[in-house]
């Protein structure tokens, strides 16, 4: 089961109101993380060795970023918002 910190959850709810297509693409990635958090596709960018992974969701207006880690075996979304790494 996937967990989200409060801020990423609130951002996803806001995006569904303001930019539903972007929110749906983000949700697809969240589903992929939840389905297999060990998959290479969701672990492509390691930010902190062994700790924090990043996924960029391209968007014409502004790319979005998912930062996530594991709490035991549970994937936890720590950040969802504009891509601050590029």
PDB file of N, CA and C in Angstrom:
ATOM      1  N   UNK A   1       0.839  -1.188   0.000  1.00  0.00           N
ATOM      2  CA  UNK A   1       0.000   0.000   0.000  1.00  0.00           C
ATOM      3  C   UNK A   1       0.881   1.248   0.000  1.00  0.00           C
ATOM      4  N   UNK A   2       0.542   2.180  -0.846  1.00  0.00           N
ATOM      5  CA  UNK A   2       1.261   3.437  -0.966  1.00  0.00           C
ATOM      6  C   UNK A   2       0.760   4.423   0.085  1.00  0.00           C
ATOM      7  N   UNK A   3       1.682   5.179   0.659  1.00  0.00           N
ATOM      8  CA  UNK A   3       1.310   6.247   1.588  1.00  0.00           C
ATOM      9  C   UNK A   3       1.817   7.571   1.036  1.00  0.00           C
ATOM     10  N   UNK A   4       1.158   8.645   1.440  1.00  0.00           N
ATOM     11  CA  UNK A   4       1.573   9.983   1.022  1.00  0.00           C
ATOM     12  C   UNK A   4       1.635  10.887   2.238  1.00  0.00           C
ATOM     13  N   UNK A   5       2.700  11.691   2.304  1.00  0.00           N
ATOM     14  CA  UNK A   5       2.730  12.742   3.309  1.00  0.00           C
ATOM     15  C   UNK A   5       1.582  13.712   2.999  1.00  0.00           C
ATOM     16  N   UNK A   6       1.154  14.515   3.976  1.00  0.00           N
ATOM     17  CA  UNK A   6       0.002  15.405   3.752  1.00  0.00           C
ATOM     18  C   UNK A   6       0.180  16.401   2.596  1.00  0.00           C
ATOM     19  N   UNK A   7       1.356  16.996   2.467  1.00  0.00           N
ATOM     20  CA  UNK A   7       1.564  18.006   1.428  1.00  0.00           C
ATOM     21  C   UNK A   7       1.432  17.425   0.025  1.00  0.00           C
ATOM     22  N   UNK A   8       2.069  16.283  -0.290  1.00  0.00           N
ATOM     23  CA  UNK A   8       1.869  15.706  -1.623  1.00  0.00           C
ATOM     24  C   UNK A   8       0.411  15.318  -1.885  1.00  0.00           C
ATOM     25  N   UNK A   9      -0.253  14.801  -0.871  1.00  0.00           N
ATOM     26  CA  UNK A   9      -1.666  14.448  -1.037  1.00  0.00           C
ATOM     27  C   UNK A   9      -2.489  15.682  -1.390  1.00  0.00           C
ATOM     28  N   UNK A  10      -2.284  16.767  -0.654  1.00  0.00           N
ATOM     29  CA  UNK A  10      -3.025  18.002  -0.914  1.00  0.00           C
ATOM     30  C   UNK A  10      -2.727  18.548  -2.309  1.00  0.00           C
ATOM     31  N   UNK A  11      -1.473  18.432  -2.738  1.00  0.00           N
ATOM     32  CA  UNK A  11      -1.095  18.908  -4.075  1.00  0.00           C
ATOM     33  C   UNK A  11      -1.792  18.081  -5.154  1.00  0.00           C
ATOM     34  N   UNK A  12      -1.888  16.775  -4.973  1.00  0.00           N
ATOM     35  CA  UNK A  12      -2.566  15.932  -5.955  1.00  0.00           C
ATOM     36  C   UNK A  12      -4.051  16.286  -6.038  1.00  0.00           C
ATOM     37  N   UNK A  13      -4.683  16.506  -4.912  1.00  0.00           N
ATOM     38  CA  UNK A  13      -6.094  16.915  -4.901  1.00  0.00           C
ATOM     39  C   UNK A  13      -6.250  18.248  -5.637  1.00  0.00           C
ATOM     40  N   UNK A  14      -5.354  19.181  -5.376  1.00  0.00           N
ATOM     41  CA  UNK A  14      -5.398  20.484  -6.040  1.00  0.00           C
ATOM     42  C   UNK A  14      -5.221  20.332  -7.551  1.00  0.00           C
ATOM     43  N   UNK A  15      -4.286  19.466  -7.948  1.00  0.00           N
ATOM     44  CA  UNK A  15      -4.051  19.258  -9.378  1.00  0.00           C
ATOM     45  C   UNK A  15      -5.259  18.643 -10.071  1.00  0.00           C
ATOM     46  N   UNK A  16      -5.959  17.738  -9.395  1.00  0.00           N
ATOM     47  CA  UNK A  16      -7.154  17.159 -10.012  1.00  0.00           C
ATOM     48  C   UNK A  16      -8.200  18.233 -10.291  1.00  0.00           C
ATOM     49  N   UNK A  17      -8.248  19.273  -9.482  1.00  0.00           N
ATOM     50  CA  UNK A  17      -9.174  20.380  -9.728  1.00  0.00           C
ATOM     51  C   UNK A  17      -8.673  21.302 -10.842  1.00  0.00           C
ATOM     52  N   UNK A  18      -7.380  21.615 -10.832  1.00  0.00           N
ATOM     53  CA  UNK A  18      -6.826  22.617 -11.739  1.00  0.00           C
ATOM     54  C   UNK A  18      -6.296  22.041 -13.055  1.00  0.00           C
ATOM     55  N   UNK A  19      -5.668  20.859 -13.000  1.00  0.00           N
ATOM     56  CA  UNK A  19      -5.019  20.254 -14.170  1.00  0.00           C
ATOM     57  C   UNK A  19      -5.253  18.741 -14.157  1.00  0.00           C
ATOM     58  N   UNK A  20      -6.481  18.296 -14.455  1.00  0.00           N
ATOM     59  CA  UNK A  20      -6.809  16.876 -14.315  1.00  0.00           C
ATOM     60  C   UNK A  20      -5.961  15.935 -15.176  1.00  0.00           C
ATOM     61  N   UNK A  21      -5.552  16.362 -16.364  1.00  0.00           N
ATOM     62  CA  UNK A  21      -4.740  15.484 -17.213  1.00  0.00           C
ATOM     63  C   UNK A  21      -3.372  15.240 -16.574  1.00  0.00           C
ATOM     64  N   UNK A  22      -2.750  16.288 -16.058  1.00  0.00           N
ATOM     65  CA  UNK A  22      -1.467  16.143 -15.366  1.00  0.00           C
ATOM     66  C   UNK A  22      -1.635  15.286 -14.119  1.00  0.00           C
ATOM     67  N   UNK A  23      -2.682  15.527 -13.352  1.00  0.00           N
ATOM     68  CA  UNK A  23      -2.931  14.736 -12.144  1.00  0.00           C
ATOM     69  C   UNK A  23      -3.099  13.261 -12.489  1.00  0.00           C
ATOM     70  N   UNK A  24      -3.771  12.961 -13.583  1.00  0.00           N
ATOM     71  CA  UNK A  24      -3.963  11.565 -13.991  1.00  0.00           C
ATOM     72  C   UNK A  24      -2.630  10.923 -14.365  1.00  0.00           C
ATOM     73  N   UNK A  25      -1.749  11.663 -15.061  1.00  0.00           N
ATOM     74  CA  UNK A  25      -0.425  11.112 -15.397  1.00  0.00           C
ATOM     75  C   UNK A  25       0.394  10.863 -14.128  1.00  0.00           C
ATOM     76  N   UNK A  26       0.313  11.773 -13.173  1.00  0.00           N
ATOM     77  CA  UNK A  26       1.006  11.583 -11.895  1.00  0.00           C
ATOM     78  C   UNK A  26       0.452  10.358 -11.189  1.00  0.00           C
ATOM     79  N   UNK A  27      -0.868  10.226 -11.175  1.00  0.00           N
ATOM     80  CA  UNK A  27      -1.504   9.077 -10.526  1.00  0.00           C
ATOM     81  C   UNK A  27      -1.064   7.755 -11.153  1.00  0.00           C
ATOM     82  N   UNK A  28      -0.838   7.746 -12.469  1.00  0.00           N
ATOM     83  CA  UNK A  28      -0.334   6.535 -13.127  1.00  0.00           C
ATOM     84  C   UNK A  28       1.025   6.140 -12.557  1.00  0.00           C
ATOM     85  N   UNK A  29       1.895   7.123 -12.325  1.00  0.00           N
ATOM     86  CA  UNK A  29       3.201   6.833 -11.729  1.00  0.00           C
ATOM     87  C   UNK A  29       3.057   6.370 -10.282  1.00  0.00           C
ATOM     88  N   UNK A  30       2.132   6.967  -9.551  1.00  0.00           N
ATOM     89  CA  UNK A  30       1.900   6.520  -8.172  1.00  0.00           C
ATOM     90  C   UNK A  30       1.429   5.074  -8.159  1.00  0.00           C
ATOM     91  N   UNK A  31       0.576   4.716  -9.119  1.00  0.00           N
ATOM     92  CA  UNK A  31       0.128   3.324  -9.233  1.00  0.00           C
ATOM     93  C   UNK A  31       1.291   2.395  -9.534  1.00  0.00           C
ATOM     94  N   UNK A  32       2.214   2.833 -10.385  1.00  0.00           N
ATOM     95  CA  UNK A  32       3.386   2.013 -10.718  1.00  0.00           C
ATOM     96  C   UNK A  32       4.276   1.810  -9.493  1.00  0.00           C
ATOM     97  N   UNK A  33       4.467   2.873  -8.711  1.00  0.00           N
ATOM     98  CA  UNK A  33       5.257   2.753  -7.479  1.00  0.00           C
ATOM     99  C   UNK A  33       4.586   1.767  -6.536  1.00  0.00           C
ATOM    100  N   UNK A  34       3.273   1.890  -6.389  1.00  0.00           N
ATOM    101  CA  UNK A  34       2.539   1.011  -5.482  1.00  0.00           C
ATOM    102  C   UNK A  34       2.574  -0.437  -5.956  1.00  0.00           C
ATOM    103  N   UNK A  35       2.467  -0.650  -7.259  1.00  0.00           N
ATOM    104  CA  UNK A  35       2.430  -2.010  -7.803  1.00  0.00           C
ATOM    105  C   UNK A  35       3.763  -2.726  -7.646  1.00  0.00           C
ATOM    106  N   UNK A  36       4.880  -2.004  -7.846  1.00  0.00           N
ATOM    107  CA  UNK A  36       6.196  -2.642  -7.759  1.00  0.00           C
ATOM    108  C   UNK A  36       7.255  -1.586  -7.456  1.00  0.00           C
ATOM    109  N   UNK A  37       7.453  -1.325  -6.189  1.00  0.00           N
ATOM    110  CA  UNK A  37       8.408  -0.283  -5.795  1.00  0.00           C
ATOM    111  C   UNK A  37       9.860  -0.672  -6.073  1.00  0.00           C
ATOM    112  N   UNK A  38      10.092  -1.919  -6.474  1.00  0.00           N
ATOM    113  CA  UNK A  38      11.447  -2.347  -6.822  1.00  0.00           C
ATOM    114  C   UNK A  38      11.711  -2.267  -8.325  1.00  0.00           C
ATOM    115  N   UNK A  39      10.716  -1.896  -9.113  1.00  0.00           N
ATOM    116  CA  UNK A  39      10.860  -1.836 -10.569  1.00  0.00           C
ATOM    117  C   UNK A  39      11.884  -0.780 -10.976  1.00  0.00           C
ATOM    118  N   UNK A  40      12.647  -1.104 -12.000  1.00  0.00           N
ATOM    119  CA  UNK A  40      13.676  -0.184 -12.481  1.00  0.00           C
ATOM    120  C   UNK A  40      13.088   1.148 -12.939  1.00  0.00           C
ATOM    121  N   UNK A  41      11.909   1.130 -13.529  1.00  0.00           N
ATOM    122  CA  UNK A  41      11.301   2.364 -14.046  1.00  0.00           C
ATOM    123  C   UNK A  41      11.039   3.386 -12.943  1.00  0.00           C
ATOM    124  N   UNK A  42      10.674   2.940 -11.763  1.00  0.00           N
ATOM    125  CA  UNK A  42      10.375   3.878 -10.674  1.00  0.00           C
ATOM    126  C   UNK A  42      11.600   4.179  -9.816  1.00  0.00           C
ATOM    127  N   UNK A  43      12.692   3.469 -10.089  1.00  0.00           N
ATOM    128  CA  UNK A  43      13.937   3.696  -9.339  1.00  0.00           C
ATOM    129  C   UNK A  43      15.060   4.206 -10.232  1.00  0.00           C
ATOM    130  N   UNK A  44      14.705   4.812 -11.319  1.00  0.00           N
ATOM    131  CA  UNK A  44      15.695   5.255 -12.299  1.00  0.00           C
ATOM    132  C   UNK A  44      16.605   6.356 -11.758  1.00  0.00           C
ATOM    133  N   UNK A  45      16.066   7.271 -10.960  1.00  0.00           N
ATOM    134  CA  UNK A  45      16.857   8.398 -10.433  1.00  0.00           C
ATOM    135  C   UNK A  45      16.919   8.322  -8.918  1.00  0.00           C
ATOM    136  N   UNK A  46      18.082   7.995  -8.421  1.00  0.00           N
ATOM    137  CA  UNK A  46      18.317   7.920  -6.980  1.00  0.00           C
ATOM    138  C   UNK A  46      18.924   9.244  -6.528  1.00  0.00           C
ATOM    139  N   UNK A  47      18.254   9.912  -5.602  1.00  0.00           N
ATOM    140  CA  UNK A  47      18.704  11.224  -5.136  1.00  0.00           C
ATOM    141  C   UNK A  47      19.639  11.094  -3.940  1.00  0.00           C
ATOM    142  N   UNK A  48      19.227  10.314  -2.983  1.00  0.00           N
ATOM    143  CA  UNK A  48      20.077  10.026  -1.824  1.00  0.00           C
ATOM    144  C   UNK A  48      20.341   8.534  -1.842  1.00  0.00           C
ATOM    145  N   UNK A  49      21.592   8.122  -1.925  1.00  0.00           N
ATOM    146  CA  UNK A  49      21.889   6.695  -2.058  1.00  0.00           C
ATOM    147  C   UNK A  49      21.112   5.832  -1.069  1.00  0.00           C
ATOM    148  N   UNK A  50      20.328   4.933  -1.648  1.00  0.00           N
ATOM    149  CA  UNK A  50      19.564   3.996  -0.849  1.00  0.00           C
ATOM    150  C   UNK A  50      18.368   4.580  -0.144  1.00  0.00           C
ATOM    151  N   UNK A  51      18.027   5.835  -0.443  1.00  0.00           N
ATOM    152  CA  UNK A  51      16.998   6.481   0.365  1.00  0.00           C
ATOM    153  C   UNK A  51      15.865   7.127  -0.416  1.00  0.00           C
ATOM    154  N   UNK A  52      16.156   7.947  -1.402  1.00  0.00           N
ATOM    155  CA  UNK A  52      15.124   8.784  -2.010  1.00  0.00           C
ATOM    156  C   UNK A  52      15.211   8.713  -3.535  1.00  0.00           C
ATOM    157  N   UNK A  53      14.081   8.390  -4.167  1.00  0.00           N
ATOM    158  CA  UNK A  53      14.019   8.299  -5.621  1.00  0.00           C
ATOM    159  C   UNK A  53      13.194   9.442  -6.173  1.00  0.00           C
ATOM    160  N   UNK A  54      13.493   9.816  -7.429  1.00  0.00           N
ATOM    161  CA  UNK A  54      12.803  10.921  -8.093  1.00  0.00           C
ATOM    162  C   UNK A  54      12.241  10.465  -9.431  1.00  0.00           C
ATOM    163  N   UNK A  55      11.038  10.937  -9.732  1.00  0.00           N
ATOM    164  CA  UNK A  55      10.404  10.702 -11.026  1.00  0.00           C
ATOM    165  C   UNK A  55       9.909  12.057 -11.522  1.00  0.00           C
ATOM    166  N   UNK A  56      10.319  12.424 -12.731  1.00  0.00           N
ATOM    167  CA  UNK A  56       9.847  13.664 -13.340  1.00  0.00           C
ATOM    168  C   UNK A  56       8.713  13.342 -14.297  1.00  0.00           C
ATOM    169  N   UNK A  57       7.623  14.090 -14.190  1.00  0.00           N
ATOM    170  CA  UNK A  57       6.483  13.958 -15.083  1.00  0.00           C
ATOM    171  C   UNK A  57       6.478  15.200 -15.965  1.00  0.00           C
ATOM    172  N   UNK A  58       6.806  15.023 -17.259  1.00  0.00           N
ATOM    173  CA  UNK A  58       6.869  16.183 -18.141  1.00  0.00           C
ATOM    174  C   UNK A  58       5.489  16.798 -18.368  1.00  0.00           C
ATOM    175  N   UNK A  59       5.477  18.110 -18.474  1.00  0.00           N
ATOM    176  CA  UNK A  59       4.251  18.843 -18.768  1.00  0.00           C
ATOM    177  C   UNK A  59       4.650  20.091 -19.550  1.00  0.00           C
ATOM    178  N   UNK A  60       3.878  20.477 -20.559  1.00  0.00           N
ATOM    179  CA  UNK A  60       4.255  21.651 -21.359  1.00  0.00           C
ATOM    180  C   UNK A  60       4.420  22.930 -20.531  1.00  0.00           C
ATOM    181  N   UNK A  61       3.607  23.095 -19.510  1.00  0.00           N
ATOM    182  CA  UNK A  61       3.696  24.313 -18.698  1.00  0.00           C
ATOM    183  C   UNK A  61       4.818  24.254 -17.676  1.00  0.00           C
ATOM    184  N   UNK A  62       4.919  23.106 -16.989  1.00  0.00           N
ATOM    185  CA  UNK A  62       5.906  22.972 -15.913  1.00  0.00           C
ATOM    186  C   UNK A  62       6.011  21.497 -15.558  1.00  0.00           C
ATOM    187  N   UNK A  63       7.233  20.971 -15.564  1.00  0.00           N
ATOM    188  CA  UNK A  63       7.432  19.576 -15.177  1.00  0.00           C
ATOM    189  C   UNK A  63       7.150  19.407 -13.693  1.00  0.00           C
ATOM    190  N   UNK A  64       6.622  18.228 -13.359  1.00  0.00           N
ATOM    191  CA  UNK A  64       6.328  17.922 -11.964  1.00  0.00           C
ATOM    192  C   UNK A  64       7.253  16.819 -11.482  1.00  0.00           C
ATOM    193  N   UNK A  65       7.445  16.760 -10.181  1.00  0.00           N
ATOM    194  CA  UNK A  65       8.395  15.845  -9.572  1.00  0.00           C
ATOM    195  C   UNK A  65       7.726  15.056  -8.459  1.00  0.00           C
ATOM    196  N   UNK A  66       7.991  13.760  -8.448  1.00  0.00           N
ATOM    197  CA  UNK A  66       7.606  12.890  -7.334  1.00  0.00           C
ATOM    198  C   UNK A  66       8.895  12.475  -6.644  1.00  0.00           C
ATOM    199  N   UNK A  67       8.999  12.707  -5.351  1.00  0.00           N
ATOM    200  CA  UNK A  67      10.094  12.176  -4.541  1.00  0.00           C
ATOM    201  C   UNK A  67       9.492  11.166  -3.588  1.00  0.00           C
ATOM    202  N   UNK A  68      10.096   9.977  -3.552  1.00  0.00           N
ATOM    203  CA  UNK A  68       9.541   8.937  -2.699  1.00  0.00           C
ATOM    204  C   UNK A  68      10.653   8.088  -2.103  1.00  0.00           C
ATOM    205  N   UNK A  69      10.326   7.457  -0.987  1.00  0.00           N
ATOM    206  CA  UNK A  69      11.246   6.523  -0.351  1.00  0.00           C
ATOM    207  C   UNK A  69      10.444   5.370   0.228  1.00  0.00           C
ATOM    208  N   UNK A  70      11.138   4.507   0.940  1.00  0.00           N
ATOM    209  CA  UNK A  70      10.491   3.361   1.574  1.00  0.00           C
ATOM    210  C   UNK A  70      10.528   3.516   3.079  1.00  0.00           C
ATOM    211  N   UNK A  71       9.411   3.229   3.705  1.00  0.00           N
ATOM    212  CA  UNK A  71       9.318   3.116   5.156  1.00  0.00           C
ATOM    213  C   UNK A  71       9.104   1.637   5.412  1.00  0.00           C
ATOM    214  N   UNK A  72      10.206   0.934   5.663  1.00  0.00           N
ATOM    215  CA  UNK A  72      10.134  -0.525   5.687  1.00  0.00           C
ATOM    216  C   UNK A  72       9.906  -0.991   4.261  1.00  0.00           C
ATOM    217  N   UNK A  73       8.786  -1.665   4.023  1.00  0.00           N
ATOM    218  CA  UNK A  73       8.438  -2.109   2.675  1.00  0.00           C
ATOM    219  C   UNK A  73       7.384  -1.217   2.029  1.00  0.00           C
ATOM    220  N   UNK A  74       6.975  -0.162   2.713  1.00  0.00           N
ATOM    221  CA  UNK A  74       5.895   0.697   2.229  1.00  0.00           C
ATOM    222  C   UNK A  74       6.455   1.914   1.502  1.00  0.00           C
ATOM    223  N   UNK A  75       6.098   2.104   0.221  1.00  0.00           N
ATOM    224  CA  UNK A  75       6.519   3.321  -0.464  1.00  0.00           C
ATOM    225  C   UNK A  75       5.749   4.527   0.066  1.00  0.00           C
ATOM    226  N   UNK A  76       6.484   5.619   0.296  1.00  0.00           N
ATOM    227  CA  UNK A  76       5.887   6.843   0.836  1.00  0.00           C
ATOM    228  C   UNK A  76       6.270   8.014  -0.071  1.00  0.00           C
ATOM    229  N   UNK A  77       5.260   8.740  -0.524  1.00  0.00           N
ATOM    230  CA  UNK A  77       5.492   9.927  -1.342  1.00  0.00           C
ATOM    231  C   UNK A  77       5.820  11.081  -0.403  1.00  0.00           C
ATOM    232  N   UNK A  78       7.021  11.640  -0.573  1.00  0.00           N
ATOM    233  CA  UNK A  78       7.492  12.716   0.302  1.00  0.00           C
ATOM    234  C   UNK A  78       7.293  14.102  -0.305  1.00  0.00           C
ATOM    235  N   UNK A  79       7.319  14.170  -1.638  1.00  0.00           N
ATOM    236  CA  UNK A  79       7.161  15.465  -2.307  1.00  0.00           C
ATOM    237  C   UNK A  79       6.444  15.247  -3.617  1.00  0.00           C
ATOM    238  N   UNK A  80       5.535  16.130  -3.939  1.00  0.00           N
ATOM    239  CA  UNK A  80       4.881  16.190  -5.238  1.00  0.00           C
ATOM    240  C   UNK A  80       4.687  17.664  -5.550  1.00  0.00           C
ATOM    241  N   UNK A  81       5.345  18.112  -6.607  1.00  0.00           N
ATOM    242  CA  UNK A  81       5.236  19.517  -6.956  1.00  0.00           C
ATOM    243  C   UNK A  81       6.113  19.838  -8.140  1.00  0.00           C
ATOM    244  N   UNK A  82       6.287  21.116  -8.432  1.00  0.00           N
ATOM    245  CA  UNK A  82       7.144  21.513  -9.541  1.00  0.00           C
ATOM    246  C   UNK A  82       8.532  20.893  -9.406  1.00  0.00           C
ATOM    247  N   UNK A  83       9.101  20.522 -10.561  1.00  0.00           N
ATOM    248  CA  UNK A  83      10.420  19.888 -10.567  1.00  0.00           C
ATOM    249  C   UNK A  83      11.473  20.914 -10.172  1.00  0.00           C
ATOM    250  N   UNK A  84      12.017  20.748  -8.993  1.00  0.00           N
ATOM    251  CA  UNK A  84      13.034  21.662  -8.471  1.00  0.00           C
ATOM    252  C   UNK A  84      14.451  21.143  -8.714  1.00  0.00           C
ATOM    253  N   UNK A  85      14.575  19.995  -9.381  1.00  0.00           N
ATOM    254  CA  UNK A  85      15.887  19.394  -9.590  1.00  0.00           C
ATOM    255  C   UNK A  85      16.470  19.708 -10.958  1.00  0.00           C
ATOM    256  N   UNK A  86      15.663  20.244 -11.866  1.00  0.00           N
ATOM    257  CA  UNK A  86      16.184  20.519 -13.212  1.00  0.00           C
ATOM    258  C   UNK A  86      16.395  21.992 -13.421  1.00  0.00           C
TER     259      UNK A  86
END
